[in-house]
Amino acid sequence: MTTLYLIRHGETDANKQLILQGNVETNLTELNDYGRKLTTSAAARFSTLSFAQCLVSPLKRAQETAHLLLDHSDCPIKVDNRLAEINYGIWNGQSIPELMKKYPQYWRRTTSDVCGHYEQVSNGEPIDNVDQRVAAFLNSLHDIYGNQCIAIVTHGYIIQTILRVLQYPHIQTIKNLQTIEIQLNSQFLLSSKNTVTTLEI
């Protein structure tokens, strides 16, 4: 079995203000003081785990989270561009409640995620494209990290996409620093032998 720990990055001011971050990098999308404090505190929880590798989004908020969690260990941290958050196009940096009110047909209310062909009005990255890069990422894990324990530090939408690609139901809300443990068989398919566990930090 290969074990994945899916970890969402720590809190940013954009998270607090319900601003859609996407793949942009601004002062609002960096970890805030609370996010850094909570991530540093959570590092003790991860010290009991032995990761062969940490794969992380190229975005700063995810990379800082990974280093705060794992710099105490000898776990190597490697950037993988396929873990970058979805690019919401012109919606990046806008208020999530306002977008949901204006374009309700393009939002999944149970998870507050975009759905359908939202890119028709946002000029963002199509959902099918995100699914394809996430599926390619998961397939590459099988070849390189089979039967190992891997930490993956990324973003809310990407974690939901990983679950969707693995045909596991959406989790209603993925909070900052929430960690989801997934055990996968050799074909990287969820089955009755696989487990998906949500861990509280």
N, C-alpha and C. Protein backbone atom coordinates (compact mmCIF):
# COMPACT_ATOMS: atom_id res chain seq x y z
N MET A 1 0.83 -1.20 0.00
CA MET A 1 0.00 0.00 0.00
C MET A 1 0.87 1.25 0.00
N THR A 2 0.45 2.25 -0.72
CA THR A 2 1.09 3.55 -0.70
C THR A 2 0.21 4.48 0.13
N THR A 3 0.81 5.20 1.05
CA THR A 3 0.06 6.10 1.93
C THR A 3 0.35 7.54 1.56
N LEU A 4 -0.71 8.29 1.31
CA LEU A 4 -0.60 9.71 1.00
C LEU A 4 -1.20 10.51 2.15
N TYR A 5 -0.51 11.56 2.55
CA TYR A 5 -1.06 12.52 3.49
C TYR A 5 -1.29 13.83 2.73
N LEU A 6 -2.56 14.12 2.46
CA LEU A 6 -2.92 15.35 1.75
C LEU A 6 -3.09 16.46 2.78
N ILE A 7 -2.30 17.51 2.67
CA ILE A 7 -2.29 18.58 3.67
C ILE A 7 -2.58 19.91 2.98
N ARG A 8 -3.62 20.59 3.44
CA ARG A 8 -3.88 21.93 2.92
C ARG A 8 -2.99 22.94 3.64
N HIS A 9 -2.55 23.95 2.91
CA HIS A 9 -1.66 24.97 3.48
C HIS A 9 -2.30 25.70 4.67
N GLY A 10 -1.47 26.40 5.44
CA GLY A 10 -1.94 27.17 6.58
C GLY A 10 -2.75 28.39 6.18
N GLU A 11 -3.31 29.05 7.18
CA GLU A 11 -4.22 30.16 6.93
C GLU A 11 -3.52 31.38 6.35
N THR A 12 -4.20 32.05 5.42
CA THR A 12 -3.77 33.33 4.86
C THR A 12 -4.84 34.37 5.14
N ASP A 13 -4.50 35.64 4.95
CA ASP A 13 -5.51 36.68 5.12
C ASP A 13 -6.61 36.54 4.07
N ALA A 14 -6.26 36.06 2.88
CA ALA A 14 -7.29 35.84 1.86
C ALA A 14 -8.29 34.78 2.32
N ASN A 15 -7.81 33.74 3.00
CA ASN A 15 -8.73 32.76 3.57
C ASN A 15 -9.68 33.41 4.55
N LYS A 16 -9.14 34.23 5.45
CA LYS A 16 -9.96 34.89 6.47
C LYS A 16 -11.01 35.80 5.83
N GLN A 17 -10.64 36.46 4.75
CA GLN A 17 -11.52 37.44 4.11
C GLN A 17 -12.39 36.81 3.03
N LEU A 18 -12.32 35.49 2.87
CA LEU A 18 -13.11 34.76 1.87
C LEU A 18 -12.85 35.28 0.46
N ILE A 19 -11.57 35.46 0.17
CA ILE A 19 -11.13 35.89 -1.16
C ILE A 19 -10.59 34.69 -1.91
N LEU A 20 -10.99 34.57 -3.17
CA LEU A 20 -10.55 33.46 -4.01
C LEU A 20 -9.08 33.68 -4.37
N GLN A 21 -8.22 32.76 -3.97
CA GLN A 21 -6.79 32.96 -4.17
C GLN A 21 -6.29 32.46 -5.51
N GLY A 22 -6.72 31.27 -5.90
CA GLY A 22 -6.23 30.72 -7.15
C GLY A 22 -4.72 30.57 -7.14
N ASN A 23 -4.09 30.86 -8.27
CA ASN A 23 -2.64 30.68 -8.37
C ASN A 23 -1.87 32.00 -8.27
N VAL A 24 -2.51 33.04 -7.72
CA VAL A 24 -1.83 34.33 -7.61
C VAL A 24 -0.97 34.37 -6.34
N GLU A 25 0.01 35.26 -6.35
CA GLU A 25 0.88 35.46 -5.19
C GLU A 25 0.82 36.93 -4.81
N THR A 26 0.20 37.23 -3.67
CA THR A 26 0.15 38.59 -3.14
C THR A 26 0.39 38.52 -1.64
N ASN A 27 0.43 39.69 -0.99
CA ASN A 27 0.57 39.70 0.47
C ASN A 27 -0.58 38.97 1.14
N LEU A 28 -1.76 39.02 0.54
CA LEU A 28 -2.93 38.37 1.13
C LEU A 28 -2.87 36.85 1.04
N THR A 29 -2.08 36.33 0.10
CA THR A 29 -2.04 34.88 -0.09
C THR A 29 -0.87 34.22 0.64
N GLU A 30 -0.06 35.00 1.36
CA GLU A 30 1.00 34.42 2.18
C GLU A 30 0.42 34.01 3.53
N LEU A 31 1.06 33.07 4.21
CA LEU A 31 0.60 32.70 5.54
C LEU A 31 0.58 33.93 6.44
N ASN A 32 -0.51 34.09 7.19
CA ASN A 32 -0.55 35.18 8.16
C ASN A 32 0.05 34.69 9.48
N ASP A 33 0.10 35.57 10.47
CA ASP A 33 0.74 35.22 11.74
C ASP A 33 0.08 34.01 12.40
N TYR A 34 -1.25 33.99 12.35
CA TYR A 34 -1.96 32.85 12.94
C TYR A 34 -1.66 31.56 12.18
N GLY A 35 -1.62 31.68 10.85
CA GLY A 35 -1.31 30.51 10.03
C GLY A 35 0.07 29.95 10.34
N ARG A 36 1.05 30.84 10.50
CA ARG A 36 2.41 30.38 10.83
C ARG A 36 2.45 29.75 12.23
N LYS A 37 1.76 30.38 13.18
CA LYS A 37 1.76 29.87 14.55
C LYS A 37 1.14 28.48 14.62
N LEU A 38 0.01 28.31 13.96
CA LEU A 38 -0.68 27.02 14.01
C LEU A 38 0.12 25.96 13.27
N THR A 39 0.75 26.34 12.16
CA THR A 39 1.55 25.37 11.40
C THR A 39 2.76 24.94 12.21
N THR A 40 3.40 25.88 12.87
CA THR A 40 4.55 25.54 13.71
C THR A 40 4.14 24.60 14.83
N SER A 41 2.97 24.85 15.43
CA SER A 41 2.48 23.98 16.50
C SER A 41 2.17 22.58 15.96
N ALA A 42 1.67 22.52 14.72
CA ALA A 42 1.31 21.23 14.14
C ALA A 42 2.52 20.39 13.78
N ALA A 43 3.69 21.00 13.70
CA ALA A 43 4.90 20.26 13.32
C ALA A 43 5.17 19.10 14.27
N ALA A 44 4.84 19.26 15.54
CA ALA A 44 5.05 18.18 16.50
C ALA A 44 4.24 16.95 16.14
N ARG A 45 3.04 17.18 15.63
CA ARG A 45 2.17 16.06 15.22
C ARG A 45 2.83 15.28 14.07
N PHE A 46 3.49 15.99 13.18
CA PHE A 46 4.10 15.33 12.03
C PHE A 46 5.44 14.70 12.36
N SER A 47 6.01 15.06 13.48
CA SER A 47 7.31 14.49 13.86
C SER A 47 7.21 13.00 14.15
N THR A 48 6.00 12.51 14.38
CA THR A 48 5.81 11.08 14.66
C THR A 48 5.66 10.28 13.38
N LEU A 49 5.57 10.95 12.24
CA LEU A 49 5.38 10.28 10.96
C LEU A 49 6.69 10.25 10.18
N SER A 50 6.90 9.22 9.42
CA SER A 50 8.12 9.07 8.62
C SER A 50 7.75 9.13 7.15
N PHE A 51 8.06 10.26 6.52
CA PHE A 51 7.75 10.45 5.11
C PHE A 51 8.99 10.18 4.25
N ALA A 52 8.80 9.46 3.17
CA ALA A 52 9.88 9.25 2.22
C ALA A 52 10.12 10.51 1.39
N GLN A 53 9.06 11.30 1.20
CA GLN A 53 9.15 12.49 0.36
C GLN A 53 7.98 13.41 0.69
N CYS A 54 8.21 14.71 0.58
CA CYS A 54 7.12 15.69 0.60
C CYS A 54 7.07 16.36 -0.75
N LEU A 55 5.93 16.31 -1.39
CA LEU A 55 5.71 16.97 -2.67
C LEU A 55 4.81 18.17 -2.41
N VAL A 56 5.18 19.33 -2.96
CA VAL A 56 4.51 20.56 -2.58
C VAL A 56 4.21 21.43 -3.81
N SER A 57 3.14 22.16 -3.72
CA SER A 57 2.77 23.14 -4.73
C SER A 57 3.87 24.20 -4.87
N PRO A 58 4.02 24.80 -6.05
CA PRO A 58 5.01 25.86 -6.21
C PRO A 58 4.63 27.17 -5.55
N LEU A 59 3.38 27.31 -5.09
CA LEU A 59 2.94 28.57 -4.51
C LEU A 59 3.51 28.73 -3.10
N LYS A 60 3.83 29.98 -2.77
CA LYS A 60 4.57 30.28 -1.54
C LYS A 60 3.85 29.80 -0.29
N ARG A 61 2.53 29.96 -0.22
CA ARG A 61 1.81 29.58 0.99
C ARG A 61 1.91 28.09 1.27
N ALA A 62 1.97 27.28 0.22
CA ALA A 62 2.13 25.84 0.40
C ALA A 62 3.57 25.49 0.77
N GLN A 63 4.53 26.14 0.11
CA GLN A 63 5.93 25.84 0.40
C GLN A 63 6.30 26.22 1.84
N GLU A 64 5.82 27.38 2.29
CA GLU A 64 6.12 27.77 3.67
C GLU A 64 5.51 26.79 4.65
N THR A 65 4.29 26.34 4.36
CA THR A 65 3.65 25.34 5.22
C THR A 65 4.49 24.07 5.29
N ALA A 66 4.94 23.59 4.15
CA ALA A 66 5.73 22.36 4.10
C ALA A 66 7.00 22.50 4.93
N HIS A 67 7.69 23.62 4.80
CA HIS A 67 8.94 23.80 5.53
C HIS A 67 8.70 23.95 7.03
N LEU A 68 7.64 24.65 7.41
CA LEU A 68 7.35 24.78 8.84
C LEU A 68 6.99 23.43 9.45
N LEU A 69 6.32 22.59 8.69
CA LEU A 69 5.91 21.28 9.20
C LEU A 69 7.06 20.27 9.25
N LEU A 70 7.96 20.35 8.27
CA LEU A 70 8.88 19.23 8.06
C LEU A 70 10.36 19.57 8.13
N ASP A 71 10.72 20.83 8.31
CA ASP A 71 12.14 21.17 8.36
C ASP A 71 12.87 20.52 9.53
N HIS A 72 12.11 20.11 10.55
CA HIS A 72 12.72 19.43 11.70
C HIS A 72 13.15 18.02 11.35
N SER A 73 12.65 17.49 10.23
CA SER A 73 12.90 16.10 9.87
C SER A 73 13.91 16.03 8.72
N ASP A 74 14.22 14.80 8.32
CA ASP A 74 15.11 14.62 7.17
C ASP A 74 14.32 14.34 5.90
N CYS A 75 13.02 14.65 5.92
CA CYS A 75 12.17 14.42 4.76
C CYS A 75 12.52 15.42 3.65
N PRO A 76 12.89 14.97 2.47
CA PRO A 76 13.16 15.90 1.37
C PRO A 76 11.87 16.54 0.86
N ILE A 77 11.94 17.82 0.53
CA ILE A 77 10.79 18.57 0.03
C ILE A 77 11.04 18.93 -1.43
N LYS A 78 10.11 18.56 -2.28
CA LYS A 78 10.27 18.77 -3.72
C LYS A 78 9.03 19.46 -4.29
N VAL A 79 9.24 20.49 -5.09
CA VAL A 79 8.14 21.20 -5.73
C VAL A 79 7.64 20.42 -6.93
N ASP A 80 6.32 20.30 -7.05
CA ASP A 80 5.70 19.70 -8.23
C ASP A 80 4.65 20.67 -8.74
N ASN A 81 4.86 21.20 -9.94
CA ASN A 81 3.98 22.23 -10.49
C ASN A 81 2.55 21.75 -10.69
N ARG A 82 2.36 20.46 -10.78
CA ARG A 82 1.01 19.93 -10.98
C ARG A 82 0.14 20.08 -9.74
N LEU A 83 0.76 20.44 -8.61
CA LEU A 83 0.02 20.64 -7.36
C LEU A 83 -0.39 22.09 -7.15
N ALA A 84 -0.09 22.98 -8.12
CA ALA A 84 -0.50 24.38 -8.00
C ALA A 84 -2.02 24.49 -7.96
N GLU A 85 -2.50 25.49 -7.24
CA GLU A 85 -3.95 25.70 -7.17
C GLU A 85 -4.50 26.03 -8.55
N ILE A 86 -5.76 25.74 -8.75
CA ILE A 86 -6.43 26.07 -10.00
C ILE A 86 -6.33 27.57 -10.27
N ASN A 87 -6.16 27.93 -11.53
CA ASN A 87 -6.13 29.33 -11.94
C ASN A 87 -7.56 29.76 -12.26
N TYR A 88 -8.12 30.64 -11.44
CA TYR A 88 -9.51 31.05 -11.62
C TYR A 88 -9.65 32.20 -12.62
N GLY A 89 -8.58 32.56 -13.30
CA GLY A 89 -8.67 33.64 -14.29
C GLY A 89 -8.95 34.98 -13.63
N ILE A 90 -9.90 35.71 -14.19
CA ILE A 90 -10.23 37.04 -13.66
C ILE A 90 -10.94 36.96 -12.31
N TRP A 91 -11.31 35.76 -11.89
CA TRP A 91 -11.92 35.60 -10.57
C TRP A 91 -10.88 35.58 -9.46
N ASN A 92 -9.61 35.34 -9.79
CA ASN A 92 -8.56 35.38 -8.77
C ASN A 92 -8.62 36.72 -8.03
N GLY A 93 -8.60 36.66 -6.70
CA GLY A 93 -8.59 37.88 -5.90
C GLY A 93 -9.96 38.48 -5.64
N GLN A 94 -11.02 37.84 -6.10
CA GLN A 94 -12.37 38.36 -5.89
C GLN A 94 -13.05 37.68 -4.70
N SER A 95 -14.10 38.30 -4.21
CA SER A 95 -14.84 37.80 -3.06
C SER A 95 -15.62 36.54 -3.43
N ILE A 96 -15.42 35.47 -2.66
CA ILE A 96 -16.14 34.23 -2.94
C ILE A 96 -17.65 34.39 -2.76
N PRO A 97 -18.15 34.99 -1.66
CA PRO A 97 -19.60 35.14 -1.52
C PRO A 97 -20.22 35.94 -2.67
N GLU A 98 -19.52 36.99 -3.13
CA GLU A 98 -20.06 37.79 -4.23
C GLU A 98 -20.09 37.00 -5.53
N LEU A 99 -19.05 36.21 -5.78
CA LEU A 99 -19.05 35.39 -6.99
C LEU A 99 -20.14 34.33 -6.94
N MET A 100 -20.34 33.73 -5.77
CA MET A 100 -21.36 32.70 -5.64
C MET A 100 -22.76 33.29 -5.84
N LYS A 101 -22.93 34.53 -5.40
CA LYS A 101 -24.23 35.20 -5.57
C LYS A 101 -24.47 35.58 -7.03
N LYS A 102 -23.42 36.01 -7.71
CA LYS A 102 -23.56 36.49 -9.09
C LYS A 102 -23.63 35.33 -10.09
N TYR A 103 -22.89 34.24 -9.79
CA TYR A 103 -22.81 33.11 -10.72
C TYR A 103 -23.12 31.80 -9.99
N PRO A 104 -24.32 31.65 -9.45
CA PRO A 104 -24.62 30.45 -8.66
C PRO A 104 -24.52 29.15 -9.46
N GLN A 105 -24.72 29.24 -10.77
CA GLN A 105 -24.68 28.03 -11.60
C GLN A 105 -23.29 27.44 -11.73
N TYR A 106 -22.28 28.21 -11.37
CA TYR A 106 -20.89 27.73 -11.51
C TYR A 106 -20.24 27.40 -10.17
N TRP A 107 -21.07 27.21 -9.14
CA TRP A 107 -20.53 26.91 -7.81
C TRP A 107 -21.21 25.69 -7.21
N ARG A 108 -20.41 24.82 -6.64
CA ARG A 108 -20.92 23.69 -5.88
C ARG A 108 -21.04 24.15 -4.43
N ARG A 109 -22.24 24.35 -3.97
CA ARG A 109 -22.45 24.99 -2.67
C ARG A 109 -22.00 24.12 -1.50
N THR A 110 -21.99 22.82 -1.67
CA THR A 110 -21.60 21.96 -0.56
C THR A 110 -20.12 22.12 -0.21
N THR A 111 -19.29 22.46 -1.21
CA THR A 111 -17.85 22.59 -0.98
C THR A 111 -17.32 23.98 -1.28
N SER A 112 -18.19 24.89 -1.77
CA SER A 112 -17.78 26.24 -2.17
C SER A 112 -16.67 26.19 -3.22
N ASP A 113 -16.79 25.24 -4.15
CA ASP A 113 -15.84 25.10 -5.25
C ASP A 113 -16.53 25.41 -6.57
N VAL A 114 -15.72 25.82 -7.56
CA VAL A 114 -16.28 26.06 -8.88
C VAL A 114 -16.69 24.72 -9.51
N CYS A 115 -17.61 24.79 -10.45
CA CYS A 115 -18.06 23.58 -11.14
C CYS A 115 -18.50 23.96 -12.55
N GLY A 116 -18.79 22.94 -13.35
CA GLY A 116 -19.25 23.18 -14.71
C GLY A 116 -18.21 23.92 -15.54
N HIS A 117 -18.69 24.66 -16.51
CA HIS A 117 -17.79 25.42 -17.39
C HIS A 117 -17.67 26.87 -16.89
N TYR A 118 -17.22 26.99 -15.66
CA TYR A 118 -17.07 28.32 -15.06
C TYR A 118 -16.11 29.19 -15.85
N GLU A 119 -15.18 28.54 -16.57
CA GLU A 119 -14.17 29.28 -17.32
C GLU A 119 -14.76 30.12 -18.46
N GLN A 120 -16.01 29.84 -18.81
CA GLN A 120 -16.67 30.62 -19.86
C GLN A 120 -16.87 32.07 -19.45
N VAL A 121 -16.96 32.32 -18.16
CA VAL A 121 -17.12 33.70 -17.69
C VAL A 121 -15.90 34.22 -16.94
N SER A 122 -15.02 33.31 -16.50
CA SER A 122 -13.86 33.74 -15.71
C SER A 122 -12.55 33.70 -16.49
N ASN A 123 -12.56 33.01 -17.64
CA ASN A 123 -11.33 32.79 -18.40
C ASN A 123 -10.30 32.04 -17.57
N GLY A 124 -10.80 31.18 -16.69
CA GLY A 124 -9.91 30.42 -15.82
C GLY A 124 -9.52 29.08 -16.43
N GLU A 125 -8.81 28.29 -15.63
CA GLU A 125 -8.37 26.97 -16.06
C GLU A 125 -9.55 26.00 -16.06
N PRO A 126 -9.84 25.35 -17.17
CA PRO A 126 -10.97 24.41 -17.20
C PRO A 126 -10.78 23.28 -16.20
N ILE A 127 -11.88 22.85 -15.61
CA ILE A 127 -11.83 21.79 -14.61
C ILE A 127 -11.24 20.51 -15.20
N ASP A 128 -11.56 20.20 -16.45
CA ASP A 128 -11.00 19.01 -17.08
C ASP A 128 -9.47 19.06 -17.13
N ASN A 129 -8.92 20.24 -17.34
CA ASN A 129 -7.46 20.37 -17.37
C ASN A 129 -6.85 20.09 -16.00
N VAL A 130 -7.52 20.58 -14.95
CA VAL A 130 -7.04 20.32 -13.59
C VAL A 130 -7.10 18.81 -13.31
N ASP A 131 -8.21 18.19 -13.68
CA ASP A 131 -8.34 16.74 -13.48
C ASP A 131 -7.21 15.99 -14.16
N GLN A 132 -6.86 16.41 -15.37
CA GLN A 132 -5.82 15.72 -16.14
C GLN A 132 -4.45 15.85 -15.49
N ARG A 133 -4.11 17.04 -15.01
CA ARG A 133 -2.78 17.19 -14.40
C ARG A 133 -2.70 16.48 -13.06
N VAL A 134 -3.82 16.47 -12.33
CA VAL A 134 -3.82 15.75 -11.05
C VAL A 134 -3.74 14.24 -11.29
N ALA A 135 -4.45 13.74 -12.30
CA ALA A 135 -4.39 12.31 -12.62
C ALA A 135 -2.97 11.93 -13.04
N ALA A 136 -2.31 12.79 -13.83
CA ALA A 136 -0.93 12.51 -14.24
C ALA A 136 -0.01 12.49 -13.03
N PHE A 137 -0.25 13.39 -12.09
CA PHE A 137 0.53 13.42 -10.86
C PHE A 137 0.38 12.12 -10.08
N LEU A 138 -0.85 11.66 -9.90
CA LEU A 138 -1.09 10.43 -9.14
C LEU A 138 -0.46 9.22 -9.83
N ASN A 139 -0.55 9.16 -11.15
CA ASN A 139 0.04 8.04 -11.88
C ASN A 139 1.56 8.02 -11.72
N SER A 140 2.16 9.19 -11.68
CA SER A 140 3.62 9.25 -11.52
C SER A 140 4.04 8.77 -10.14
N LEU A 141 3.20 8.97 -9.15
CA LEU A 141 3.53 8.51 -7.80
C LEU A 141 3.68 7.00 -7.75
N HIS A 142 2.83 6.31 -8.49
CA HIS A 142 2.88 4.85 -8.49
C HIS A 142 4.24 4.35 -8.98
N ASP A 143 4.77 5.00 -10.00
CA ASP A 143 6.05 4.56 -10.57
C ASP A 143 7.23 4.90 -9.67
N ILE A 144 7.15 6.03 -8.96
CA ILE A 144 8.32 6.52 -8.23
C ILE A 144 8.28 6.17 -6.74
N TYR A 145 7.07 6.23 -6.15
CA TYR A 145 6.97 6.12 -4.69
C TYR A 145 6.07 4.97 -4.24
N GLY A 146 6.00 3.92 -5.01
CA GLY A 146 5.15 2.80 -4.64
C GLY A 146 5.49 2.26 -3.25
N ASN A 147 4.46 1.97 -2.46
CA ASN A 147 4.60 1.38 -1.11
C ASN A 147 5.39 2.27 -0.15
N GLN A 148 5.33 3.58 -0.35
CA GLN A 148 5.98 4.52 0.56
C GLN A 148 4.94 5.49 1.13
N CYS A 149 5.37 6.25 2.13
CA CYS A 149 4.51 7.25 2.77
C CYS A 149 4.92 8.63 2.27
N ILE A 150 3.99 9.33 1.66
CA ILE A 150 4.28 10.59 0.98
C ILE A 150 3.41 11.70 1.56
N ALA A 151 4.02 12.85 1.87
CA ALA A 151 3.26 14.04 2.26
C ALA A 151 3.05 14.91 1.03
N ILE A 152 1.84 15.41 0.87
CA ILE A 152 1.50 16.27 -0.26
C ILE A 152 0.90 17.55 0.31
N VAL A 153 1.61 18.66 0.16
CA VAL A 153 1.14 19.94 0.69
C VAL A 153 0.64 20.78 -0.48
N THR A 154 -0.64 21.07 -0.48
CA THR A 154 -1.23 21.72 -1.64
C THR A 154 -2.44 22.57 -1.21
N HIS A 155 -3.46 22.64 -2.04
CA HIS A 155 -4.56 23.59 -1.88
C HIS A 155 -5.90 22.87 -1.84
N GLY A 156 -6.90 23.60 -1.35
CA GLY A 156 -8.22 23.00 -1.16
C GLY A 156 -8.80 22.40 -2.42
N TYR A 157 -8.76 23.15 -3.53
CA TYR A 157 -9.38 22.62 -4.76
C TYR A 157 -8.60 21.42 -5.27
N ILE A 158 -7.29 21.44 -5.14
CA ILE A 158 -6.48 20.32 -5.63
C ILE A 158 -6.74 19.07 -4.79
N ILE A 159 -6.90 19.23 -3.49
CA ILE A 159 -7.22 18.07 -2.66
C ILE A 159 -8.58 17.50 -3.06
N GLN A 160 -9.56 18.36 -3.29
CA GLN A 160 -10.87 17.88 -3.74
C GLN A 160 -10.73 17.16 -5.08
N THR A 161 -9.86 17.66 -5.96
CA THR A 161 -9.66 17.03 -7.26
C THR A 161 -9.02 15.66 -7.10
N ILE A 162 -8.04 15.55 -6.22
CA ILE A 162 -7.43 14.24 -5.97
C ILE A 162 -8.49 13.24 -5.52
N LEU A 163 -9.34 13.66 -4.60
CA LEU A 163 -10.41 12.77 -4.14
C LEU A 163 -11.36 12.41 -5.27
N ARG A 164 -11.67 13.39 -6.12
CA ARG A 164 -12.58 13.13 -7.23
C ARG A 164 -11.96 12.17 -8.24
N VAL A 165 -10.68 12.37 -8.57
CA VAL A 165 -10.00 11.49 -9.51
C VAL A 165 -9.96 10.06 -8.98
N LEU A 166 -9.82 9.93 -7.66
CA LEU A 166 -9.81 8.61 -7.02
C LEU A 166 -11.21 8.08 -6.75
N GLN A 167 -12.20 8.81 -7.23
CA GLN A 167 -13.61 8.40 -7.11
C GLN A 167 -14.05 8.29 -5.66
N TYR A 168 -13.53 9.20 -4.85
CA TYR A 168 -13.97 9.29 -3.46
C TYR A 168 -14.84 10.54 -3.32
N PRO A 169 -15.91 10.47 -2.55
CA PRO A 169 -16.81 11.63 -2.43
C PRO A 169 -16.10 12.86 -1.89
N HIS A 170 -16.62 14.03 -2.31
CA HIS A 170 -16.08 15.29 -1.82
C HIS A 170 -16.24 15.39 -0.30
N ILE A 171 -15.27 16.02 0.33
CA ILE A 171 -15.40 16.39 1.73
C ILE A 171 -15.98 17.81 1.75
N GLN A 172 -16.97 18.03 2.58
CA GLN A 172 -17.72 19.28 2.51
C GLN A 172 -16.82 20.51 2.62
N THR A 173 -15.96 20.54 3.60
CA THR A 173 -15.06 21.68 3.77
C THR A 173 -13.68 21.17 4.14
N ILE A 174 -12.67 21.60 3.41
CA ILE A 174 -11.30 21.27 3.75
C ILE A 174 -10.67 22.51 4.37
N LYS A 175 -10.42 22.43 5.66
CA LYS A 175 -9.92 23.59 6.39
C LYS A 175 -8.41 23.72 6.21
N ASN A 176 -7.90 24.88 6.55
CA ASN A 176 -6.45 25.08 6.53
C ASN A 176 -5.79 24.09 7.48
N LEU A 177 -4.74 23.46 7.00
CA LEU A 177 -3.95 22.45 7.72
C LEU A 177 -4.69 21.13 7.92
N GLN A 178 -5.90 21.01 7.40
CA GLN A 178 -6.58 19.72 7.51
C GLN A 178 -5.76 18.69 6.74
N THR A 179 -5.65 17.51 7.30
CA THR A 179 -4.85 16.44 6.72
C THR A 179 -5.73 15.24 6.45
N ILE A 180 -5.62 14.70 5.25
CA ILE A 180 -6.40 13.53 4.85
C ILE A 180 -5.44 12.41 4.50
N GLU A 181 -5.57 11.31 5.18
CA GLU A 181 -4.73 10.14 4.93
C GLU A 181 -5.43 9.21 3.96
N ILE A 182 -4.74 8.84 2.91
CA ILE A 182 -5.29 7.93 1.91
C ILE A 182 -4.34 6.76 1.74
N GLN A 183 -4.85 5.56 1.85
CA GLN A 183 -4.07 4.37 1.55
C GLN A 183 -4.57 3.78 0.25
N LEU A 184 -3.64 3.58 -0.67
CA LEU A 184 -3.99 3.17 -2.02
C LEU A 184 -3.36 1.84 -2.37
N ASN A 185 -4.07 1.08 -3.21
CA ASN A 185 -3.50 -0.18 -3.66
C ASN A 185 -2.51 0.07 -4.79
N SER A 186 -1.95 -0.98 -5.33
CA SER A 186 -0.86 -0.85 -6.30
C SER A 186 -1.32 -0.21 -7.61
N GLN A 187 -2.63 -0.25 -7.87
CA GLN A 187 -3.14 0.39 -9.09
C GLN A 187 -3.56 1.84 -8.85
N PHE A 188 -3.34 2.35 -7.64
CA PHE A 188 -3.75 3.70 -7.27
C PHE A 188 -5.25 3.90 -7.48
N LEU A 189 -6.01 2.87 -7.15
CA LEU A 189 -7.46 2.98 -7.22
C LEU A 189 -8.03 2.73 -5.83
N LEU A 190 -9.06 3.48 -5.49
CA LEU A 190 -9.73 3.24 -4.21
C LEU A 190 -10.56 1.97 -4.33
N SER A 191 -10.49 1.13 -3.34
CA SER A 191 -11.29 -0.09 -3.32
C SER A 191 -11.68 -0.36 -1.88
N SER A 192 -12.30 -1.49 -1.65
CA SER A 192 -12.73 -1.82 -0.30
C SER A 192 -11.53 -1.99 0.63
N LYS A 193 -10.33 -2.20 0.05
CA LYS A 193 -9.13 -2.35 0.86
C LYS A 193 -8.47 -1.01 1.15
N ASN A 194 -8.92 0.05 0.49
CA ASN A 194 -8.33 1.36 0.68
C ASN A 194 -9.06 2.10 1.80
N THR A 195 -8.36 2.99 2.45
CA THR A 195 -9.01 3.80 3.48
C THR A 195 -8.70 5.26 3.25
N VAL A 196 -9.68 6.10 3.57
CA VAL A 196 -9.50 7.54 3.52
C VAL A 196 -9.89 8.07 4.89
N THR A 197 -8.96 8.70 5.57
CA THR A 197 -9.18 9.14 6.94
C THR A 197 -8.87 10.62 7.06
N THR A 198 -9.78 11.38 7.66
CA THR A 198 -9.54 12.79 7.91
C THR A 198 -8.94 12.95 9.30
N LEU A 199 -7.80 13.61 9.36
CA LEU A 199 -7.10 13.82 10.62
C LEU A 199 -7.24 15.25 11.07
N GLU A 200 -7.48 15.45 12.32
CA GLU A 200 -7.55 16.80 12.86
C GLU A 200 -6.19 17.20 13.44
N ILE A 201 -5.73 18.39 13.09
CA ILE A 201 -4.44 18.89 13.59
C ILE A 201 -4.70 19.72 14.84
